[in-house]
Amino acid sequence: MLNKIRSFSKTIFAKILLVVMIIPFVFWGMGGSFNSGNSNNIAKIDNYNISTQDFIDYLNTSQLSSEQIKEKIKDNILEQTLSDLISKTLLDMETKNLNLSVSDESLAKLIKKNKNFIDENQKFSRIKYEKFLIERNINATEFEKLLKDRELQNKLFTYVGGAIQSPYFITNK
C-alpha cells in the first residue's frame, strides 16, 4: 500500500492535485493573516483604536468587582463602562489635540492648596497628604495622575464653554 502511494506521488497527476489544493489554501485559508488587524479592537475613534485589552485594563482599574459585574450584567454595566472609556479617550484626545497641559509646578500648587492637606497653621501637611493616600489605598503617582486628568478636563471645558457665545474658530474646530 505504501509503495502505491509513493509511486502515485511521483506522477504528474499528483503534482497537479497538490497545486490545486495549495492555491485555495494560500488565498482563502490564510485570509486572516491579511486583514487590517481590527479583530481585537472594540471601538475606533478617528484613527485611534480601543482594543479589548484596553477595555479589560479599564475594567480592572475601575472599582467594580467581578461579582458586581455579574449581578449588573443585565443592567448593561459593560456597555456603560465601555461608554465611560470612550468618553475618557475622547477627552484625552481633545486635550492632546488642543495642546492643553498641566505643569508639575501647577500640580504641586493644587495639592498644596487642597483643604484636605492643610494643617491648623494653614500650611501644607505632608502627613495629612500621606494619610489621605493610605486611607484611599492609592499611591502618590496615581493620585497625581487623577488630579492632572481632572485639571486637564477642567481646562478643556473652560476653553470650549468659557464664553457665552463660542468664537467662530472654536465652533469650526
N, C-alpha and C. Protein backbone atom coordinates (compact mmCIF):
# COMPACT_ATOMS: atom_id res chain seq x y z
N MET A 1 0.83 -1.19 0.00
CA MET A 1 0.00 0.00 0.00
C MET A 1 0.87 1.25 0.00
N LEU A 2 1.92 1.24 0.83
CA LEU A 2 2.83 2.38 0.89
C LEU A 2 3.57 2.59 -0.42
N ASN A 3 3.87 1.49 -1.08
CA ASN A 3 4.56 1.59 -2.39
C ASN A 3 3.66 2.24 -3.43
N LYS A 4 2.34 1.96 -3.37
CA LYS A 4 1.41 2.58 -4.32
C LYS A 4 1.34 4.09 -4.11
N ILE A 5 1.34 4.53 -2.83
CA ILE A 5 1.29 5.96 -2.54
C ILE A 5 2.57 6.64 -2.99
N ARG A 6 3.71 5.98 -2.79
CA ARG A 6 5.00 6.55 -3.23
C ARG A 6 5.05 6.67 -4.75
N SER A 7 4.58 5.66 -5.44
CA SER A 7 4.62 5.72 -6.90
C SER A 7 3.63 6.77 -7.42
N PHE A 8 2.46 6.92 -6.75
CA PHE A 8 1.49 7.92 -7.16
C PHE A 8 2.03 9.34 -6.94
N SER A 9 2.79 9.56 -5.87
CA SER A 9 3.29 10.90 -5.58
C SER A 9 4.30 11.38 -6.62
N LYS A 10 4.87 10.47 -7.40
CA LYS A 10 5.85 10.84 -8.43
C LYS A 10 5.19 11.17 -9.76
N THR A 11 3.89 10.95 -9.88
CA THR A 11 3.22 11.20 -11.16
C THR A 11 2.86 12.67 -11.31
N ILE A 12 2.60 13.07 -12.53
CA ILE A 12 2.23 14.45 -12.84
C ILE A 12 0.84 14.76 -12.30
N PHE A 13 -0.05 13.76 -12.23
CA PHE A 13 -1.40 13.97 -11.70
C PHE A 13 -1.35 14.33 -10.21
N ALA A 14 -0.47 13.73 -9.46
CA ALA A 14 -0.33 14.03 -8.03
C ALA A 14 0.16 15.47 -7.84
N LYS A 15 1.09 15.89 -8.69
CA LYS A 15 1.61 17.26 -8.59
C LYS A 15 0.53 18.28 -8.93
N ILE A 16 -0.30 17.99 -9.91
CA ILE A 16 -1.39 18.89 -10.27
C ILE A 16 -2.41 18.95 -9.12
N LEU A 17 -2.72 17.80 -8.54
CA LEU A 17 -3.64 17.75 -7.41
C LEU A 17 -3.11 18.56 -6.22
N LEU A 18 -1.81 18.47 -5.99
CA LEU A 18 -1.19 19.22 -4.90
C LEU A 18 -1.29 20.73 -5.15
N VAL A 19 -1.04 21.16 -6.37
CA VAL A 19 -1.12 22.59 -6.71
C VAL A 19 -2.56 23.08 -6.57
N VAL A 20 -3.53 22.28 -7.00
CA VAL A 20 -4.94 22.66 -6.90
C VAL A 20 -5.34 22.80 -5.43
N MET A 21 -4.78 22.00 -4.55
CA MET A 21 -5.10 22.09 -3.12
C MET A 21 -4.37 23.26 -2.46
N ILE A 22 -3.19 23.61 -2.91
CA ILE A 22 -2.40 24.68 -2.29
C ILE A 22 -2.95 26.06 -2.63
N ILE A 23 -3.37 26.27 -3.86
CA ILE A 23 -3.82 27.60 -4.30
C ILE A 23 -4.99 28.13 -3.44
N PRO A 24 -6.09 27.38 -3.22
CA PRO A 24 -7.15 27.92 -2.35
C PRO A 24 -6.69 28.14 -0.91
N PHE A 25 -5.83 27.29 -0.43
CA PHE A 25 -5.34 27.46 0.94
C PHE A 25 -4.57 28.76 1.09
N VAL A 26 -3.75 29.08 0.11
CA VAL A 26 -2.96 30.31 0.18
C VAL A 26 -3.86 31.54 0.13
N PHE A 27 -4.85 31.53 -0.76
CA PHE A 27 -5.68 32.73 -0.92
C PHE A 27 -6.80 32.85 0.11
N TRP A 28 -7.42 31.74 0.49
CA TRP A 28 -8.54 31.84 1.42
C TRP A 28 -8.21 31.28 2.81
N GLY A 29 -7.37 30.30 2.87
CA GLY A 29 -7.01 29.71 4.15
C GLY A 29 -6.13 30.62 4.98
N MET A 30 -5.38 31.48 4.35
CA MET A 30 -4.51 32.42 5.03
C MET A 30 -5.14 33.81 5.08
N GLY A 31 -6.41 33.92 4.77
CA GLY A 31 -7.07 35.22 4.70
C GLY A 31 -7.00 36.00 6.00
N GLY A 32 -7.01 35.33 7.14
CA GLY A 32 -6.94 36.00 8.42
C GLY A 32 -5.64 36.73 8.63
N SER A 33 -4.60 36.33 7.95
CA SER A 33 -3.30 36.98 8.11
C SER A 33 -3.22 38.30 7.36
N PHE A 34 -4.10 38.48 6.38
CA PHE A 34 -4.02 39.67 5.54
C PHE A 34 -5.00 40.77 5.93
N ASN A 35 -5.80 40.54 6.98
CA ASN A 35 -6.75 41.59 7.34
C ASN A 35 -6.04 42.73 8.05
N SER A 36 -6.76 43.78 8.36
CA SER A 36 -6.14 45.00 8.88
C SER A 36 -5.85 44.95 10.36
N GLY A 37 -6.12 43.87 11.03
CA GLY A 37 -5.79 43.76 12.44
C GLY A 37 -6.85 44.32 13.37
N ASN A 38 -8.07 44.50 12.90
CA ASN A 38 -9.13 45.07 13.72
C ASN A 38 -9.88 44.03 14.54
N SER A 39 -9.41 42.79 14.53
CA SER A 39 -10.16 41.74 15.20
C SER A 39 -10.16 41.91 16.72
N ASN A 40 -9.17 42.57 17.29
CA ASN A 40 -9.12 42.76 18.74
C ASN A 40 -9.50 44.17 19.16
N ASN A 41 -10.08 44.93 18.27
CA ASN A 41 -10.49 46.30 18.60
C ASN A 41 -11.97 46.31 18.95
N ILE A 42 -12.27 47.04 20.01
CA ILE A 42 -13.65 47.10 20.47
C ILE A 42 -14.33 48.40 20.03
N ALA A 43 -13.52 49.43 19.77
CA ALA A 43 -14.05 50.71 19.28
C ALA A 43 -12.95 51.43 18.51
N LYS A 44 -13.39 52.31 17.60
CA LYS A 44 -12.44 53.09 16.81
C LYS A 44 -12.91 54.54 16.79
N ILE A 45 -11.99 55.44 17.18
CA ILE A 45 -12.27 56.87 17.17
C ILE A 45 -11.25 57.51 16.24
N ASP A 46 -11.72 58.06 15.14
CA ASP A 46 -10.84 58.56 14.08
C ASP A 46 -9.85 57.45 13.71
N ASN A 47 -8.56 57.67 13.93
CA ASN A 47 -7.57 56.65 13.62
C ASN A 47 -7.09 55.92 14.87
N TYR A 48 -7.70 56.20 16.01
CA TYR A 48 -7.28 55.58 17.26
C TYR A 48 -8.20 54.40 17.58
N ASN A 49 -7.59 53.25 17.83
CA ASN A 49 -8.35 52.05 18.16
C ASN A 49 -8.31 51.78 19.65
N ILE A 50 -9.44 51.42 20.21
CA ILE A 50 -9.52 50.97 21.59
C ILE A 50 -9.60 49.46 21.54
N SER A 51 -8.57 48.82 22.03
CA SER A 51 -8.51 47.37 21.96
C SER A 51 -9.27 46.73 23.11
N THR A 52 -9.50 45.44 22.98
CA THR A 52 -10.15 44.72 24.06
C THR A 52 -9.27 44.70 25.30
N GLN A 53 -7.96 44.70 25.10
CA GLN A 53 -7.05 44.74 26.25
C GLN A 53 -7.16 46.08 26.98
N ASP A 54 -7.33 47.18 26.24
CA ASP A 54 -7.56 48.49 26.88
C ASP A 54 -8.83 48.46 27.72
N PHE A 55 -9.88 47.83 27.19
CA PHE A 55 -11.14 47.74 27.92
C PHE A 55 -10.99 46.89 29.18
N ILE A 56 -10.27 45.79 29.07
CA ILE A 56 -10.04 44.91 30.23
C ILE A 56 -9.23 45.65 31.28
N ASP A 57 -8.21 46.38 30.85
CA ASP A 57 -7.40 47.16 31.79
C ASP A 57 -8.26 48.22 32.49
N TYR A 58 -9.14 48.87 31.73
CA TYR A 58 -10.03 49.88 32.30
C TYR A 58 -10.99 49.24 33.30
N LEU A 59 -11.50 48.06 32.97
CA LEU A 59 -12.37 47.35 33.91
C LEU A 59 -11.63 47.00 35.19
N ASN A 60 -10.36 46.58 35.05
CA ASN A 60 -9.57 46.20 36.22
C ASN A 60 -9.27 47.40 37.11
N THR A 61 -9.08 48.57 36.52
CA THR A 61 -8.77 49.76 37.32
C THR A 61 -10.03 50.41 37.89
N SER A 62 -11.19 50.03 37.34
CA SER A 62 -12.42 50.58 37.91
C SER A 62 -12.68 49.91 39.25
N GLN A 63 -13.58 50.46 40.00
CA GLN A 63 -13.88 49.96 41.33
C GLN A 63 -14.91 48.83 41.32
N LEU A 64 -15.14 48.22 40.15
CA LEU A 64 -16.13 47.16 40.04
C LEU A 64 -15.49 45.80 40.28
N SER A 65 -16.11 45.01 41.13
CA SER A 65 -15.64 43.65 41.35
C SER A 65 -16.33 42.73 40.34
N SER A 66 -15.80 41.54 40.20
CA SER A 66 -16.39 40.60 39.24
C SER A 66 -17.81 40.21 39.66
N GLU A 67 -18.08 40.17 40.97
CA GLU A 67 -19.42 39.86 41.45
C GLU A 67 -20.40 40.97 41.05
N GLN A 68 -19.97 42.22 41.18
CA GLN A 68 -20.84 43.34 40.80
C GLN A 68 -21.14 43.31 39.31
N ILE A 69 -20.13 42.95 38.52
CA ILE A 69 -20.33 42.88 37.07
C ILE A 69 -21.34 41.78 36.74
N LYS A 70 -21.20 40.63 37.40
CA LYS A 70 -22.13 39.52 37.15
C LYS A 70 -23.55 39.89 37.55
N GLU A 71 -23.70 40.59 38.67
CA GLU A 71 -25.03 40.98 39.14
C GLU A 71 -25.69 42.00 38.22
N LYS A 72 -24.88 42.91 37.67
CA LYS A 72 -25.43 44.01 36.88
C LYS A 72 -25.28 43.81 35.37
N ILE A 73 -24.98 42.59 34.94
CA ILE A 73 -24.76 42.35 33.52
C ILE A 73 -26.02 42.65 32.71
N LYS A 74 -27.19 42.40 33.28
CA LYS A 74 -28.45 42.68 32.57
C LYS A 74 -28.77 44.17 32.58
N ASP A 75 -28.14 44.92 33.46
CA ASP A 75 -28.34 46.37 33.52
C ASP A 75 -27.36 47.11 32.61
N ASN A 76 -26.72 46.39 31.70
CA ASN A 76 -25.78 46.95 30.72
C ASN A 76 -24.57 47.62 31.38
N ILE A 77 -24.03 47.00 32.41
CA ILE A 77 -22.87 47.57 33.09
C ILE A 77 -21.64 47.60 32.17
N LEU A 78 -21.50 46.59 31.32
CA LEU A 78 -20.35 46.58 30.40
C LEU A 78 -20.47 47.69 29.36
N GLU A 79 -21.68 47.93 28.87
CA GLU A 79 -21.87 49.00 27.90
C GLU A 79 -21.62 50.36 28.53
N GLN A 80 -22.05 50.53 29.78
CA GLN A 80 -21.80 51.79 30.48
C GLN A 80 -20.31 51.99 30.71
N THR A 81 -19.61 50.92 31.07
CA THR A 81 -18.16 51.02 31.29
C THR A 81 -17.44 51.32 29.99
N LEU A 82 -17.86 50.69 28.91
CA LEU A 82 -17.27 50.98 27.61
C LEU A 82 -17.55 52.43 27.20
N SER A 83 -18.75 52.90 27.47
CA SER A 83 -19.09 54.30 27.19
C SER A 83 -18.20 55.25 27.99
N ASP A 84 -17.94 54.91 29.25
CA ASP A 84 -17.04 55.72 30.07
C ASP A 84 -15.63 55.75 29.49
N LEU A 85 -15.16 54.58 29.05
CA LEU A 85 -13.82 54.50 28.45
C LEU A 85 -13.74 55.33 27.18
N ILE A 86 -14.77 55.26 26.36
CA ILE A 86 -14.77 56.04 25.12
C ILE A 86 -14.81 57.53 25.43
N SER A 87 -15.61 57.93 26.42
CA SER A 87 -15.67 59.35 26.81
C SER A 87 -14.32 59.83 27.32
N LYS A 88 -13.69 59.03 28.15
CA LYS A 88 -12.37 59.38 28.67
C LYS A 88 -11.35 59.49 27.54
N THR A 89 -11.41 58.55 26.61
CA THR A 89 -10.49 58.57 25.47
C THR A 89 -10.71 59.80 24.61
N LEU A 90 -11.98 60.16 24.37
CA LEU A 90 -12.29 61.37 23.59
C LEU A 90 -11.75 62.62 24.27
N LEU A 91 -11.94 62.71 25.58
CA LEU A 91 -11.43 63.88 26.31
C LEU A 91 -9.90 63.94 26.24
N ASP A 92 -9.25 62.79 26.40
CA ASP A 92 -7.78 62.75 26.31
C ASP A 92 -7.30 63.17 24.92
N MET A 93 -7.99 62.67 23.89
CA MET A 93 -7.60 63.02 22.52
C MET A 93 -7.79 64.51 22.26
N GLU A 94 -8.87 65.08 22.79
CA GLU A 94 -9.15 66.51 22.57
C GLU A 94 -8.14 67.38 23.31
N THR A 95 -7.78 67.00 24.53
CA THR A 95 -6.77 67.79 25.26
C THR A 95 -5.42 67.72 24.57
N LYS A 96 -5.09 66.57 24.00
CA LYS A 96 -3.83 66.46 23.25
C LYS A 96 -3.90 67.27 21.96
N ASN A 97 -5.07 67.24 21.31
CA ASN A 97 -5.25 67.98 20.06
C ASN A 97 -5.12 69.49 20.28
N LEU A 98 -5.61 69.97 21.43
CA LEU A 98 -5.55 71.40 21.73
C LEU A 98 -4.26 71.79 22.47
N ASN A 99 -3.38 70.83 22.68
CA ASN A 99 -2.10 71.05 23.37
C ASN A 99 -2.28 71.64 24.77
N LEU A 100 -3.31 71.17 25.47
CA LEU A 100 -3.51 71.60 26.85
C LEU A 100 -2.59 70.79 27.75
N SER A 101 -2.04 71.44 28.76
CA SER A 101 -1.15 70.74 29.66
C SER A 101 -1.22 71.34 31.06
N VAL A 102 -0.76 70.56 32.02
CA VAL A 102 -0.66 71.00 33.40
C VAL A 102 0.78 70.77 33.82
N SER A 103 1.45 71.84 34.22
CA SER A 103 2.85 71.72 34.61
C SER A 103 2.96 71.08 35.99
N ASP A 104 4.16 70.59 36.29
CA ASP A 104 4.40 69.99 37.60
C ASP A 104 4.26 71.02 38.71
N GLU A 105 4.64 72.26 38.42
CA GLU A 105 4.54 73.31 39.43
C GLU A 105 3.08 73.61 39.76
N SER A 106 2.23 73.70 38.73
CA SER A 106 0.82 73.98 39.00
C SER A 106 0.14 72.79 39.67
N LEU A 107 0.59 71.58 39.35
CA LEU A 107 0.06 70.40 40.03
C LEU A 107 0.45 70.40 41.51
N ALA A 108 1.69 70.79 41.78
CA ALA A 108 2.14 70.89 43.18
C ALA A 108 1.34 71.96 43.92
N LYS A 109 1.04 73.08 43.25
CA LYS A 109 0.23 74.12 43.89
C LYS A 109 -1.17 73.63 44.20
N LEU A 110 -1.75 72.86 43.28
CA LEU A 110 -3.09 72.31 43.51
C LEU A 110 -3.10 71.40 44.74
N ILE A 111 -2.08 70.58 44.87
CA ILE A 111 -2.01 69.67 46.03
C ILE A 111 -1.78 70.46 47.30
N LYS A 112 -0.89 71.44 47.25
CA LYS A 112 -0.57 72.21 48.46
C LYS A 112 -1.72 73.11 48.90
N LYS A 113 -2.60 73.51 47.97
CA LYS A 113 -3.73 74.36 48.33
C LYS A 113 -4.99 73.57 48.67
N ASN A 114 -4.94 72.26 48.53
CA ASN A 114 -6.10 71.43 48.82
C ASN A 114 -6.41 71.49 50.31
N LYS A 115 -7.64 71.78 50.65
CA LYS A 115 -8.01 71.97 52.05
C LYS A 115 -7.89 70.69 52.87
N ASN A 116 -7.89 69.53 52.23
CA ASN A 116 -7.71 68.26 52.95
C ASN A 116 -6.29 68.09 53.50
N PHE A 117 -5.34 68.84 52.94
CA PHE A 117 -3.94 68.67 53.33
C PHE A 117 -3.39 69.86 54.10
N ILE A 118 -4.27 70.75 54.54
CA ILE A 118 -3.84 71.94 55.29
C ILE A 118 -3.98 71.65 56.78
N ASP A 119 -2.93 71.97 57.53
CA ASP A 119 -2.99 71.77 58.99
C ASP A 119 -3.58 72.99 59.68
N GLU A 120 -3.57 73.00 61.01
CA GLU A 120 -4.16 74.11 61.76
C GLU A 120 -3.40 75.41 61.62
N ASN A 121 -2.14 75.35 61.17
CA ASN A 121 -1.34 76.57 60.93
C ASN A 121 -1.52 77.10 59.51
N GLN A 122 -2.48 76.54 58.78
CA GLN A 122 -2.76 76.92 57.39
C GLN A 122 -1.58 76.65 56.46
N LYS A 123 -0.84 75.59 56.72
CA LYS A 123 0.27 75.18 55.87
C LYS A 123 0.05 73.74 55.41
N PHE A 124 0.70 73.40 54.31
CA PHE A 124 0.59 72.06 53.76
C PHE A 124 1.19 71.05 54.74
N SER A 125 0.46 69.96 54.98
CA SER A 125 0.91 68.91 55.88
C SER A 125 1.17 67.63 55.08
N ARG A 126 2.40 67.26 55.00
CA ARG A 126 2.78 66.04 54.28
C ARG A 126 2.15 64.82 54.95
N ILE A 127 2.03 64.86 56.24
CA ILE A 127 1.44 63.74 56.98
C ILE A 127 -0.03 63.56 56.60
N LYS A 128 -0.78 64.66 56.51
CA LYS A 128 -2.18 64.58 56.10
C LYS A 128 -2.30 64.07 54.67
N TYR A 129 -1.39 64.50 53.82
CA TYR A 129 -1.38 64.07 52.43
C TYR A 129 -1.17 62.55 52.35
N GLU A 130 -0.19 62.05 53.05
CA GLU A 130 0.10 60.62 53.02
C GLU A 130 -1.01 59.80 53.70
N LYS A 131 -1.59 60.34 54.74
CA LYS A 131 -2.71 59.67 55.40
C LYS A 131 -3.90 59.56 54.45
N PHE A 132 -4.15 60.63 53.71
CA PHE A 132 -5.21 60.64 52.70
C PHE A 132 -4.99 59.54 51.67
N LEU A 133 -3.75 59.40 51.20
CA LEU A 133 -3.43 58.38 50.20
C LEU A 133 -3.60 56.97 50.76
N ILE A 134 -3.16 56.77 51.99
CA ILE A 134 -3.26 55.44 52.61
C ILE A 134 -4.72 55.06 52.84
N GLU A 135 -5.53 56.02 53.30
CA GLU A 135 -6.94 55.74 53.56
C GLU A 135 -7.68 55.33 52.30
N ARG A 136 -7.28 55.87 51.18
CA ARG A 136 -7.95 55.57 49.91
C ARG A 136 -7.24 54.49 49.11
N ASN A 137 -6.18 53.91 49.69
CA ASN A 137 -5.43 52.82 49.08
C ASN A 137 -4.95 53.19 47.66
N ILE A 138 -4.32 54.34 47.56
CA ILE A 138 -3.81 54.84 46.30
C ILE A 138 -2.42 55.40 46.53
N ASN A 139 -1.55 55.25 45.54
CA ASN A 139 -0.21 55.83 45.72
C ASN A 139 -0.17 57.24 45.13
N ALA A 140 0.91 57.94 45.41
CA ALA A 140 1.01 59.36 45.03
C ALA A 140 0.95 59.56 43.52
N THR A 141 1.60 58.68 42.75
CA THR A 141 1.61 58.88 41.30
C THR A 141 0.21 58.70 40.71
N GLU A 142 -0.55 57.73 41.22
CA GLU A 142 -1.91 57.54 40.74
C GLU A 142 -2.79 58.74 41.08
N PHE A 143 -2.65 59.23 42.32
CA PHE A 143 -3.44 60.39 42.73
C PHE A 143 -3.09 61.61 41.89
N GLU A 144 -1.80 61.83 41.66
CA GLU A 144 -1.38 62.98 40.86
C GLU A 144 -1.86 62.86 39.42
N LYS A 145 -1.87 61.64 38.88
CA LYS A 145 -2.37 61.45 37.52
C LYS A 145 -3.87 61.75 37.47
N LEU A 146 -4.62 61.27 38.47
CA LEU A 146 -6.06 61.58 38.51
C LEU A 146 -6.31 63.08 38.63
N LEU A 147 -5.54 63.73 39.48
CA LEU A 147 -5.67 65.18 39.67
C LEU A 147 -5.31 65.93 38.38
N LYS A 148 -4.27 65.47 37.72
CA LYS A 148 -3.84 66.10 36.47
C LYS A 148 -4.91 65.92 35.38
N ASP A 149 -5.47 64.71 35.28
CA ASP A 149 -6.52 64.46 34.29
C ASP A 149 -7.75 65.33 34.56
N ARG A 150 -8.12 65.45 35.84
CA ARG A 150 -9.27 66.28 36.18
C ARG A 150 -9.01 67.75 35.85
N GLU A 151 -7.80 68.21 36.11
CA GLU A 151 -7.46 69.60 35.81
C GLU A 151 -7.43 69.85 34.29
N LEU A 152 -6.95 68.87 33.52
CA LEU A 152 -6.96 68.99 32.06
C LEU A 152 -8.40 69.04 31.54
N GLN A 153 -9.29 68.23 32.11
CA GLN A 153 -10.69 68.27 31.71
C GLN A 153 -11.31 69.62 32.05
N ASN A 154 -10.99 70.17 33.21
CA ASN A 154 -11.49 71.49 33.57
C ASN A 154 -11.01 72.55 32.59
N LYS A 155 -9.73 72.46 32.21
CA LYS A 155 -9.19 73.41 31.23
C LYS A 155 -9.90 73.27 29.88
N LEU A 156 -10.15 72.02 29.48
CA LEU A 156 -10.83 71.78 28.20
C LEU A 156 -12.24 72.36 28.23
N PHE A 157 -12.99 72.10 29.30
CA PHE A 157 -14.35 72.61 29.40
C PHE A 157 -14.37 74.12 29.50
N THR A 158 -13.40 74.70 30.17
CA THR A 158 -13.31 76.15 30.25
C THR A 158 -12.98 76.74 28.88
N TYR A 159 -12.08 76.08 28.17
CA TYR A 159 -11.69 76.53 26.83
C TYR A 159 -12.88 76.51 25.88
N VAL A 160 -13.64 75.43 25.91
CA VAL A 160 -14.76 75.28 24.96
C VAL A 160 -15.97 76.10 25.40
N GLY A 161 -16.30 76.05 26.68
CA GLY A 161 -17.53 76.70 27.11
C GLY A 161 -17.32 77.92 27.96
N GLY A 162 -16.15 78.53 27.90
CA GLY A 162 -15.83 79.66 28.76
C GLY A 162 -16.53 80.94 28.38
N ALA A 163 -16.96 81.05 27.16
CA ALA A 163 -17.62 82.28 26.71
C ALA A 163 -19.11 82.02 26.58
N ILE A 164 -19.86 83.10 26.58
CA ILE A 164 -21.31 82.95 26.42
C ILE A 164 -21.61 82.44 25.02
N GLN A 165 -20.93 83.01 24.05
CA GLN A 165 -21.07 82.56 22.69
C GLN A 165 -19.70 82.09 22.22
N SER A 166 -19.63 80.86 21.75
CA SER A 166 -18.35 80.31 21.33
C SER A 166 -17.81 81.07 20.13
N PRO A 167 -16.52 81.38 20.14
CA PRO A 167 -15.93 82.05 19.00
C PRO A 167 -16.02 81.18 17.72
N TYR A 168 -15.95 81.83 16.60
CA TYR A 168 -16.12 81.17 15.30
C TYR A 168 -15.08 80.08 15.11
N PHE A 169 -13.80 80.32 15.47
CA PHE A 169 -12.75 79.33 15.23
C PHE A 169 -12.93 78.09 16.09
N ILE A 170 -13.50 78.22 17.29
CA ILE A 170 -13.75 77.05 18.13
C ILE A 170 -14.92 76.25 17.56
N THR A 171 -15.94 76.92 17.09
CA THR A 171 -17.07 76.23 16.51
C THR A 171 -16.64 75.44 15.29
N ASN A 172 -15.80 76.01 14.46
CA ASN A 172 -15.31 75.30 13.28
C ASN A 172 -14.41 74.14 13.65
N LYS A 173 -13.59 74.32 14.67
CA LYS A 173 -12.66 73.26 15.06
C LYS A 173 -13.43 72.11 15.66
